[in-house]
Amino acid sequence: MARSHGERKNTRKKLRRSKRERGLSPVSRAIQQFASGDQVHVHIDPSVHKGMPHHRFHGMTGTVKGERGRSFIVEISDGNRQHKKELFVRAEHLRLQQG
């Protein structure tokens, strides 16, 4: 059988919701706003496919650098903290860092 090489390969457990969280996402998560300089966690919502970052960035924390359309530009240090990467992520996949 041929192997899948798509964007969502190897994400069976990572992109799964718990039983109590299944169903539609709350609208408040889609309309939340972030200011530049805010620290945010990348927490992928598997029910929303638009603006979804690659699954390797799930669980990382970054800084909001700005907005582009409906998405936010999030800068993340990847690897050994020397490489900076910019992600274009929609608000449904971001959570504000508390504290």
PDB file of N, CA and C in Angstrom:
ATOM      1  N   MET A   1       0.846  -1.180   0.000  1.00  0.00           N
ATOM      2  CA  MET A   1       0.000   0.000   0.000  1.00  0.00           C
ATOM      3  C   MET A   1       0.887   1.237   0.000  1.00  0.00           C
ATOM      4  N   ALA A   2       0.512   2.234  -0.762  1.00  0.00           N
ATOM      5  CA  ALA A   2       1.311   3.452  -0.883  1.00  0.00           C
ATOM      6  C   ALA A   2       1.240   4.260   0.409  1.00  0.00           C
ATOM      7  N   ARG A   3       2.341   4.916   0.739  1.00  0.00           N
ATOM      8  CA  ARG A   3       2.388   5.742   1.947  1.00  0.00           C
ATOM      9  C   ARG A   3       1.921   7.145   1.649  1.00  0.00           C
ATOM     10  N   SER A   4       1.305   7.759   2.622  1.00  0.00           N
ATOM     11  CA  SER A   4       0.835   9.129   2.471  1.00  0.00           C
ATOM     12  C   SER A   4       1.978  10.098   2.768  1.00  0.00           C
ATOM     13  N   HIS A   5       2.092  11.116   1.958  1.00  0.00           N
ATOM     14  CA  HIS A   5       3.120  12.140   2.166  1.00  0.00           C
ATOM     15  C   HIS A   5       2.486  13.522   2.279  1.00  0.00           C
ATOM     16  N   GLY A   6       1.254  13.578   2.758  1.00  0.00           N
ATOM     17  CA  GLY A   6       0.530  14.843   2.813  1.00  0.00           C
ATOM     18  C   GLY A   6       0.925  15.701   4.008  1.00  0.00           C
ATOM     19  N   GLU A   7       0.255  16.852   4.098  1.00  0.00           N
ATOM     20  CA  GLU A   7       0.536  17.820   5.167  1.00  0.00           C
ATOM     21  C   GLU A   7       0.193  17.272   6.542  1.00  0.00           C
ATOM     22  N   ARG A   8      -0.819  16.409   6.627  1.00  0.00           N
ATOM     23  CA  ARG A   8      -1.280  15.945   7.934  1.00  0.00           C
ATOM     24  C   ARG A   8      -0.841  14.524   8.240  1.00  0.00           C
ATOM     25  N   LYS A   9       0.253  14.067   7.656  1.00  0.00           N
ATOM     26  CA  LYS A   9       0.726  12.720   7.955  1.00  0.00           C
ATOM     27  C   LYS A   9       1.325  12.684   9.359  1.00  0.00           C
ATOM     28  N   ASN A  10       1.248  11.543  10.002  1.00  0.00           N
ATOM     29  CA  ASN A  10       1.770  11.315  11.355  1.00  0.00           C
ATOM     30  C   ASN A  10       1.126  12.231  12.405  1.00  0.00           C
ATOM     31  N   THR A  11      -0.129  12.583  12.234  1.00  0.00           N
ATOM     32  CA  THR A  11      -0.788  13.487  13.185  1.00  0.00           C
ATOM     33  C   THR A  11      -2.024  12.848  13.799  1.00  0.00           C
ATOM     34  N   ARG A  12      -2.087  11.541  13.844  1.00  0.00           N
ATOM     35  CA  ARG A  12      -3.303  10.881  14.313  1.00  0.00           C
ATOM     36  C   ARG A  12      -3.634  11.263  15.756  1.00  0.00           C
ATOM     37  N   LYS A  13      -2.651  11.364  16.607  1.00  0.00           N
ATOM     38  CA  LYS A  13      -2.914  11.732  17.999  1.00  0.00           C
ATOM     39  C   LYS A  13      -2.743  13.223  18.240  1.00  0.00           C
ATOM     40  N   LYS A  14      -1.856  13.849  17.503  1.00  0.00           N
ATOM     41  CA  LYS A  14      -1.571  15.265  17.721  1.00  0.00           C
ATOM     42  C   LYS A  14      -2.766  16.134  17.325  1.00  0.00           C
ATOM     43  N   LEU A  15      -3.407  15.805  16.215  1.00  0.00           N
ATOM     44  CA  LEU A  15      -4.530  16.604  15.735  1.00  0.00           C
ATOM     45  C   LEU A  15      -5.856  15.911  16.043  1.00  0.00           C
ATOM     46  N   ARG A  16      -6.032  15.527  17.274  1.00  0.00           N
ATOM     47  CA  ARG A  16      -7.279  14.909  17.703  1.00  0.00           C
ATOM     48  C   ARG A  16      -7.788  15.658  18.929  1.00  0.00           C
ATOM     49  N   ARG A  17      -9.082  15.850  18.987  1.00  0.00           N
ATOM     50  CA  ARG A  17      -9.673  16.500  20.149  1.00  0.00           C
ATOM     51  C   ARG A  17     -10.129  15.451  21.153  1.00  0.00           C
ATOM     52  N   SER A  18     -10.242  15.863  22.399  1.00  0.00           N
ATOM     53  CA  SER A  18     -10.785  14.956  23.392  1.00  0.00           C
ATOM     54  C   SER A  18     -12.301  14.849  23.191  1.00  0.00           C
ATOM     55  N   LYS A  19     -12.923  13.885  23.826  1.00  0.00           N
ATOM     56  CA  LYS A  19     -14.345  13.640  23.608  1.00  0.00           C
ATOM     57  C   LYS A  19     -15.208  14.834  23.976  1.00  0.00           C
ATOM     58  N   ARG A  20     -14.852  15.537  25.021  1.00  0.00           N
ATOM     59  CA  ARG A  20     -15.668  16.660  25.472  1.00  0.00           C
ATOM     60  C   ARG A  20     -15.474  17.911  24.625  1.00  0.00           C
ATOM     61  N   GLU A  21     -14.416  17.968  23.850  1.00  0.00           N
ATOM     62  CA  GLU A  21     -14.148  19.155  23.036  1.00  0.00           C
ATOM     63  C   GLU A  21     -14.626  19.014  21.601  1.00  0.00           C
ATOM     64  N   ARG A  22     -15.187  17.875  21.230  1.00  0.00           N
ATOM     65  CA  ARG A  22     -15.568  17.656  19.833  1.00  0.00           C
ATOM     66  C   ARG A  22     -16.755  18.505  19.447  1.00  0.00           C
ATOM     67  N   GLY A  23     -16.878  18.753  18.160  1.00  0.00           N
ATOM     68  CA  GLY A  23     -17.967  19.574  17.642  1.00  0.00           C
ATOM     69  C   GLY A  23     -17.428  20.876  17.093  1.00  0.00           C
ATOM     70  N   LEU A  24     -18.299  21.855  16.965  1.00  0.00           N
ATOM     71  CA  LEU A  24     -17.909  23.143  16.414  1.00  0.00           C
ATOM     72  C   LEU A  24     -17.042  23.918  17.397  1.00  0.00           C
ATOM     73  N   SER A  25     -16.129  24.685  16.856  1.00  0.00           N
ATOM     74  CA  SER A  25     -15.294  25.551  17.691  1.00  0.00           C
ATOM     75  C   SER A  25     -16.093  26.780  18.090  1.00  0.00           C
ATOM     76  N   PRO A  26     -15.801  27.365  19.245  1.00  0.00           N
ATOM     77  CA  PRO A  26     -16.514  28.584  19.634  1.00  0.00           C
ATOM     78  C   PRO A  26     -16.130  29.757  18.726  1.00  0.00           C
ATOM     79  N   VAL A  27     -17.088  30.615  18.452  1.00  0.00           N
ATOM     80  CA  VAL A  27     -16.855  31.756  17.571  1.00  0.00           C
ATOM     81  C   VAL A  27     -15.876  32.736  18.211  1.00  0.00           C
ATOM     82  N   SER A  28     -15.880  32.802  19.534  1.00  0.00           N
ATOM     83  CA  SER A  28     -15.003  33.747  20.223  1.00  0.00           C
ATOM     84  C   SER A  28     -13.535  33.460  19.948  1.00  0.00           C
ATOM     85  N   ARG A  29     -13.208  32.225  19.671  1.00  0.00           N
ATOM     86  CA  ARG A  29     -11.820  31.879  19.359  1.00  0.00           C
ATOM     87  C   ARG A  29     -11.429  32.385  17.979  1.00  0.00           C
ATOM     88  N   ALA A  30     -12.387  32.456  17.062  1.00  0.00           N
ATOM     89  CA  ALA A  30     -12.103  32.897  15.700  1.00  0.00           C
ATOM     90  C   ALA A  30     -11.978  34.412  15.598  1.00  0.00           C
ATOM     91  N   ILE A  31     -12.622  35.161  16.484  1.00  0.00           N
ATOM     92  CA  ILE A  31     -12.606  36.620  16.376  1.00  0.00           C
ATOM     93  C   ILE A  31     -11.661  37.277  17.375  1.00  0.00           C
ATOM     94  N   GLN A  32     -10.867  36.490  18.083  1.00  0.00           N
ATOM     95  CA  GLN A  32      -9.945  37.091  19.047  1.00  0.00           C
ATOM     96  C   GLN A  32      -8.868  37.881  18.317  1.00  0.00           C
ATOM     97  N   GLN A  33      -8.399  38.927  18.963  1.00  0.00           N
ATOM     98  CA  GLN A  33      -7.385  39.804  18.388  1.00  0.00           C
ATOM     99  C   GLN A  33      -6.133  39.763  19.245  1.00  0.00           C
ATOM    100  N   PHE A  34      -4.985  39.922  18.592  1.00  0.00           N
ATOM    101  CA  PHE A  34      -3.697  39.952  19.280  1.00  0.00           C
ATOM    102  C   PHE A  34      -2.959  41.200  18.838  1.00  0.00           C
ATOM    103  N   ALA A  35      -2.264  41.836  19.780  1.00  0.00           N
ATOM    104  CA  ALA A  35      -1.442  42.994  19.452  1.00  0.00           C
ATOM    105  C   ALA A  35      -0.032  42.515  19.139  1.00  0.00           C
ATOM    106  N   SER A  36       0.704  43.312  18.389  1.00  0.00           N
ATOM    107  CA  SER A  36       2.073  42.915  18.094  1.00  0.00           C
ATOM    108  C   SER A  36       2.881  42.965  19.385  1.00  0.00           C
ATOM    109  N   GLY A  37       3.679  41.937  19.600  1.00  0.00           N
ATOM    110  CA  GLY A  37       4.446  41.803  20.825  1.00  0.00           C
ATOM    111  C   GLY A  37       3.840  40.826  21.813  1.00  0.00           C
ATOM    112  N   ASP A  38       2.609  40.376  21.577  1.00  0.00           N
ATOM    113  CA  ASP A  38       1.983  39.396  22.462  1.00  0.00           C
ATOM    114  C   ASP A  38       2.647  38.033  22.315  1.00  0.00           C
ATOM    115  N   GLN A  39       2.773  37.317  23.431  1.00  0.00           N
ATOM    116  CA  GLN A  39       3.274  35.947  23.407  1.00  0.00           C
ATOM    117  C   GLN A  39       2.082  35.017  23.238  1.00  0.00           C
ATOM    118  N   VAL A  40       2.152  34.127  22.239  1.00  0.00           N
ATOM    119  CA  VAL A  40       1.047  33.222  21.959  1.00  0.00           C
ATOM    120  C   VAL A  40       1.567  31.796  21.824  1.00  0.00           C
ATOM    121  N   HIS A  41       0.686  30.842  22.154  1.00  0.00           N
ATOM    122  CA  HIS A  41       0.967  29.425  21.955  1.00  0.00           C
ATOM    123  C   HIS A  41       0.295  28.989  20.667  1.00  0.00           C
ATOM    124  N   VAL A  42       0.979  28.174  19.894  1.00  0.00           N
ATOM    125  CA  VAL A  42       0.386  27.599  18.692  1.00  0.00           C
ATOM    126  C   VAL A  42      -0.291  26.300  19.117  1.00  0.00           C
ATOM    127  N   HIS A  43      -1.613  26.308  19.089  1.00  0.00           N
ATOM    128  CA  HIS A  43      -2.406  25.141  19.480  1.00  0.00           C
ATOM    129  C   HIS A  43      -3.377  24.880  18.337  1.00  0.00           C
ATOM    130  N   ILE A  44      -3.070  23.913  17.493  1.00  0.00           N
ATOM    131  CA  ILE A  44      -3.824  23.692  16.261  1.00  0.00           C
ATOM    132  C   ILE A  44      -5.217  23.161  16.566  1.00  0.00           C
ATOM    133  N   ASP A  45      -6.207  23.805  15.954  1.00  0.00           N
ATOM    134  CA  ASP A  45      -7.591  23.344  16.036  1.00  0.00           C
ATOM    135  C   ASP A  45      -7.856  22.505  14.788  1.00  0.00           C
ATOM    136  N   PRO A  46      -7.998  21.185  14.919  1.00  0.00           N
ATOM    137  CA  PRO A  46      -8.103  20.340  13.737  1.00  0.00           C
ATOM    138  C   PRO A  46      -9.399  20.501  12.954  1.00  0.00           C
ATOM    139  N   SER A  47     -10.422  21.141  13.531  1.00  0.00           N
ATOM    140  CA  SER A  47     -11.675  21.305  12.804  1.00  0.00           C
ATOM    141  C   SER A  47     -11.635  22.491  11.852  1.00  0.00           C
ATOM    142  N   VAL A  48     -10.623  23.357  11.962  1.00  0.00           N
ATOM    143  CA  VAL A  48     -10.480  24.504  11.072  1.00  0.00           C
ATOM    144  C   VAL A  48      -9.253  24.264  10.213  1.00  0.00           C
ATOM    145  N   HIS A  49      -9.451  24.121   8.901  1.00  0.00           N
ATOM    146  CA  HIS A  49      -8.335  23.787   8.024  1.00  0.00           C
ATOM    147  C   HIS A  49      -7.639  25.016   7.473  1.00  0.00           C
ATOM    148  N   LYS A  50      -8.340  26.138   7.381  1.00  0.00           N
ATOM    149  CA  LYS A  50      -7.714  27.336   6.840  1.00  0.00           C
ATOM    150  C   LYS A  50      -6.769  27.944   7.877  1.00  0.00           C
ATOM    151  N   GLY A  51      -5.637  28.403   7.417  1.00  0.00           N
ATOM    152  CA  GLY A  51      -4.691  29.074   8.291  1.00  0.00           C
ATOM    153  C   GLY A  51      -4.027  28.162   9.287  1.00  0.00           C
ATOM    154  N   MET A  52      -3.996  26.864   9.001  1.00  0.00           N
ATOM    155  CA  MET A  52      -3.409  25.890   9.919  1.00  0.00           C
ATOM    156  C   MET A  52      -1.904  25.804   9.671  1.00  0.00           C
ATOM    157  N   PRO A  53      -1.080  25.991  10.706  1.00  0.00           N
ATOM    158  CA  PRO A  53       0.366  25.842  10.506  1.00  0.00           C
ATOM    159  C   PRO A  53       0.754  24.371  10.404  1.00  0.00           C
ATOM    160  N   HIS A  54       1.983  24.113  10.048  1.00  0.00           N
ATOM    161  CA  HIS A  54       2.469  22.737   9.974  1.00  0.00           C
ATOM    162  C   HIS A  54       2.463  22.130  11.370  1.00  0.00           C
ATOM    163  N   HIS A  55       2.221  20.841  11.447  1.00  0.00           N
ATOM    164  CA  HIS A  55       2.065  20.205  12.758  1.00  0.00           C
ATOM    165  C   HIS A  55       3.347  20.174  13.567  1.00  0.00           C
ATOM    166  N   ARG A  56       4.496  20.451  12.964  1.00  0.00           N
ATOM    167  CA  ARG A  56       5.733  20.485  13.753  1.00  0.00           C
ATOM    168  C   ARG A  56       5.777  21.688  14.691  1.00  0.00           C
ATOM    169  N   PHE A  57       4.948  22.708  14.429  1.00  0.00           N
ATOM    170  CA  PHE A  57       4.925  23.903  15.262  1.00  0.00           C
ATOM    171  C   PHE A  57       3.874  23.829  16.363  1.00  0.00           C
ATOM    172  N   HIS A  58       3.113  22.743  16.444  1.00  0.00           N
ATOM    173  CA  HIS A  58       2.081  22.582  17.459  1.00  0.00           C
ATOM    174  C   HIS A  58       2.726  22.534  18.847  1.00  0.00           C
ATOM    175  N   GLY A  59       2.270  23.390  19.745  1.00  0.00           N
ATOM    176  CA  GLY A  59       2.794  23.427  21.105  1.00  0.00           C
ATOM    177  C   GLY A  59       3.903  24.430  21.313  1.00  0.00           C
ATOM    178  N   MET A  60       4.360  25.102  20.268  1.00  0.00           N
ATOM    179  CA  MET A  60       5.441  26.080  20.413  1.00  0.00           C
ATOM    180  C   MET A  60       4.874  27.445  20.809  1.00  0.00           C
ATOM    181  N   THR A  61       5.723  28.272  21.365  1.00  0.00           N
ATOM    182  CA  THR A  61       5.352  29.618  21.769  1.00  0.00           C
ATOM    183  C   THR A  61       6.119  30.612  20.927  1.00  0.00           C
ATOM    184  N   GLY A  62       5.421  31.647  20.479  1.00  0.00           N
ATOM    185  CA  GLY A  62       6.057  32.657  19.651  1.00  0.00           C
ATOM    186  C   GLY A  62       5.537  34.036  19.964  1.00  0.00           C
ATOM    187  N   THR A  63       6.029  35.016  19.214  1.00  0.00           N
ATOM    188  CA  THR A  63       5.666  36.407  19.395  1.00  0.00           C
ATOM    189  C   THR A  63       4.920  36.900  18.159  1.00  0.00           C
ATOM    190  N   VAL A  64       3.823  37.611  18.376  1.00  0.00           N
ATOM    191  CA  VAL A  64       3.067  38.175  17.265  1.00  0.00           C
ATOM    192  C   VAL A  64       3.822  39.387  16.737  1.00  0.00           C
ATOM    193  N   LYS A  65       4.087  39.384  15.416  1.00  0.00           N
ATOM    194  CA  LYS A  65       4.811  40.491  14.789  1.00  0.00           C
ATOM    195  C   LYS A  65       3.888  41.433  14.044  1.00  0.00           C
ATOM    196  N   GLY A  66       2.720  40.957  13.649  1.00  0.00           N
ATOM    197  CA  GLY A  66       1.786  41.811  12.916  1.00  0.00           C
ATOM    198  C   GLY A  66       0.633  41.002  12.381  1.00  0.00           C
ATOM    199  N   GLU A  67      -0.155  41.660  11.501  1.00  0.00           N
ATOM    200  CA  GLU A  67      -1.310  41.019  10.893  1.00  0.00           C
ATOM    201  C   GLU A  67      -1.137  41.035   9.389  1.00  0.00           C
ATOM    202  N   ARG A  68      -1.677  40.030   8.731  1.00  0.00           N
ATOM    203  CA  ARG A  68      -1.739  40.020   7.282  1.00  0.00           C
ATOM    204  C   ARG A  68      -3.072  39.402   6.893  1.00  0.00           C
ATOM    205  N   GLY A  69      -4.005  40.255   6.489  1.00  0.00           N
ATOM    206  CA  GLY A  69      -5.356  39.788   6.198  1.00  0.00           C
ATOM    207  C   GLY A  69      -6.028  39.322   7.477  1.00  0.00           C
ATOM    208  N   ARG A  70      -6.531  38.082   7.471  1.00  0.00           N
ATOM    209  CA  ARG A  70      -7.156  37.527   8.667  1.00  0.00           C
ATOM    210  C   ARG A  70      -6.164  36.770   9.532  1.00  0.00           C
ATOM    211  N   SER A  71      -4.934  36.664   9.076  1.00  0.00           N
ATOM    212  CA  SER A  71      -3.917  35.887   9.791  1.00  0.00           C
ATOM    213  C   SER A  71      -2.997  36.788  10.591  1.00  0.00           C
ATOM    214  N   PHE A  72      -2.277  36.152  11.504  1.00  0.00           N
ATOM    215  CA  PHE A  72      -1.282  36.849  12.303  1.00  0.00           C
ATOM    216  C   PHE A  72       0.086  36.294  11.952  1.00  0.00           C
ATOM    217  N   ILE A  73       1.074  37.178  11.943  1.00  0.00           N
ATOM    218  CA  ILE A  73       2.449  36.764  11.692  1.00  0.00           C
ATOM    219  C   ILE A  73       3.068  36.453  13.044  1.00  0.00           C
ATOM    220  N   VAL A  74       3.478  35.209  13.249  1.00  0.00           N
ATOM    221  CA  VAL A  74       4.040  34.762  14.516  1.00  0.00           C
ATOM    222  C   VAL A  74       5.481  34.344  14.276  1.00  0.00           C
ATOM    223  N   GLU A  75       6.407  34.911  15.059  1.00  0.00           N
ATOM    224  CA  GLU A  75       7.822  34.555  14.936  1.00  0.00           C
ATOM    225  C   GLU A  75       8.162  33.516  15.999  1.00  0.00           C
ATOM    226  N   ILE A  76       8.729  32.403  15.549  1.00  0.00           N
ATOM    227  CA  ILE A  76       9.052  31.282  16.427  1.00  0.00           C
ATOM    228  C   ILE A  76      10.520  30.955  16.278  1.00  0.00           C
ATOM    229  N   SER A  77      11.195  30.681  17.395  1.00  0.00           N
ATOM    230  CA  SER A  77      12.567  30.189  17.298  1.00  0.00           C
ATOM    231  C   SER A  77      12.511  28.680  17.173  1.00  0.00           C
ATOM    232  N   ASP A  78      13.091  28.176  16.107  1.00  0.00           N
ATOM    233  CA  ASP A  78      12.994  26.763  15.775  1.00  0.00           C
ATOM    234  C   ASP A  78      14.357  26.106  15.946  1.00  0.00           C
ATOM    235  N   GLY A  79      14.352  24.846  16.306  1.00  0.00           N
ATOM    236  CA  GLY A  79      15.612  24.106  16.413  1.00  0.00           C
ATOM    237  C   GLY A  79      16.409  24.504  17.631  1.00  0.00           C
ATOM    238  N   ASN A  80      17.638  24.914  17.410  1.00  0.00           N
ATOM    239  CA  ASN A  80      18.520  25.237  18.531  1.00  0.00           C
ATOM    240  C   ASN A  80      18.452  26.717  18.891  1.00  0.00           C
ATOM    241  N   ARG A  81      17.289  27.322  18.694  1.00  0.00           N
ATOM    242  CA  ARG A  81      16.993  28.704  19.070  1.00  0.00           C
ATOM    243  C   ARG A  81      17.786  29.738  18.281  1.00  0.00           C
ATOM    244  N   GLN A  82      18.463  29.345  17.229  1.00  0.00           N
ATOM    245  CA  GLN A  82      19.161  30.315  16.396  1.00  0.00           C
ATOM    246  C   GLN A  82      18.352  30.649  15.150  1.00  0.00           C
ATOM    247  N   HIS A  83      17.491  29.735  14.738  1.00  0.00           N
ATOM    248  CA  HIS A  83      16.703  29.944  13.538  1.00  0.00           C
ATOM    249  C   HIS A  83      15.364  30.564  13.906  1.00  0.00           C
ATOM    250  N   LYS A  84      15.069  31.706  13.343  1.00  0.00           N
ATOM    251  CA  LYS A  84      13.774  32.363  13.545  1.00  0.00           C
ATOM    252  C   LYS A  84      12.926  32.079  12.322  1.00  0.00           C
ATOM    253  N   LYS A  85      11.679  31.695  12.560  1.00  0.00           N
ATOM    254  CA  LYS A  85      10.757  31.419  11.468  1.00  0.00           C
ATOM    255  C   LYS A  85       9.498  32.228  11.660  1.00  0.00           C
ATOM    256  N   GLU A  86       8.924  32.678  10.553  1.00  0.00           N
ATOM    257  CA  GLU A  86       7.670  33.410  10.587  1.00  0.00           C
ATOM    258  C   GLU A  86       6.562  32.504  10.092  1.00  0.00           C
ATOM    259  N   LEU A  87       5.511  32.411  10.877  1.00  0.00           N
ATOM    260  CA  LEU A  87       4.345  31.614  10.514  1.00  0.00           C
ATOM    261  C   LEU A  87       3.176  32.552  10.278  1.00  0.00           C
ATOM    262  N   PHE A  88       2.360  32.217   9.298  1.00  0.00           N
ATOM    263  CA  PHE A  88       1.129  32.952   9.060  1.00  0.00           C
ATOM    264  C   PHE A  88      -0.004  32.062   9.543  1.00  0.00           C
ATOM    265  N   VAL A  89      -0.583  32.422  10.702  1.00  0.00           N
ATOM    266  CA  VAL A  89      -1.520  31.545  11.400  1.00  0.00           C
ATOM    267  C   VAL A  89      -2.799  32.315  11.679  1.00  0.00           C
ATOM    268  N   ARG A  90      -3.920  31.653  11.495  1.00  0.00           N
ATOM    269  CA  ARG A  90      -5.194  32.274  11.848  1.00  0.00           C
ATOM    270  C   ARG A  90      -5.424  32.197  13.350  1.00  0.00           C
ATOM    271  N   ALA A  91      -6.331  33.036  13.825  1.00  0.00           N
ATOM    272  CA  ALA A  91      -6.564  33.191  15.266  1.00  0.00           C
ATOM    273  C   ALA A  91      -7.094  31.928  15.918  1.00  0.00           C
ATOM    274  N   GLU A  92      -7.755  31.047  15.169  1.00  0.00           N
ATOM    275  CA  GLU A  92      -8.313  29.830  15.749  1.00  0.00           C
ATOM    276  C   GLU A  92      -7.226  28.910  16.278  1.00  0.00           C
ATOM    277  N   HIS A  93      -6.019  29.040  15.766  1.00  0.00           N
ATOM    278  CA  HIS A  93      -4.927  28.151  16.132  1.00  0.00           C
ATOM    279  C   HIS A  93      -3.959  28.782  17.127  1.00  0.00           C
ATOM    280  N   LEU A  94      -4.346  29.927  17.704  1.00  0.00           N
ATOM    281  CA  LEU A  94      -3.479  30.631  18.645  1.00  0.00           C
ATOM    282  C   LEU A  94      -4.181  30.779  19.989  1.00  0.00           C
ATOM    283  N   ARG A  95      -3.408  30.733  21.056  1.00  0.00           N
ATOM    284  CA  ARG A  95      -3.908  30.986  22.417  1.00  0.00           C
ATOM    285  C   ARG A  95      -2.953  31.982  23.072  1.00  0.00           C
ATOM    286  N   LEU A  96      -3.513  32.953  23.752  1.00  0.00           N
ATOM    287  CA  LEU A  96      -2.690  33.942  24.447  1.00  0.00           C
ATOM    288  C   LEU A  96      -2.008  33.320  25.645  1.00  0.00           C
ATOM    289  N   GLN A  97      -0.702  33.588  25.792  1.00  0.00           N
ATOM    290  CA  GLN A  97       0.045  33.041  26.922  1.00  0.00           C
ATOM    291  C   GLN A  97      -0.350  33.781  28.192  1.00  0.00           C
ATOM    292  N   GLN A  98      -0.690  33.040  29.214  1.00  0.00           N
ATOM    293  CA  GLN A  98      -1.105  33.647  30.476  1.00  0.00           C
ATOM    294  C   GLN A  98       0.127  33.989  31.319  1.00  0.00           C
ATOM    295  N   GLY A  99       0.092  35.144  31.950  1.00  0.00           N
ATOM    296  CA  GLY A  99       1.163  35.491  32.873  1.00  0.00           C
ATOM    297  C   GLY A  99       2.061  36.549  32.451  1.00  0.00           C
TER     298      GLY A  99
END
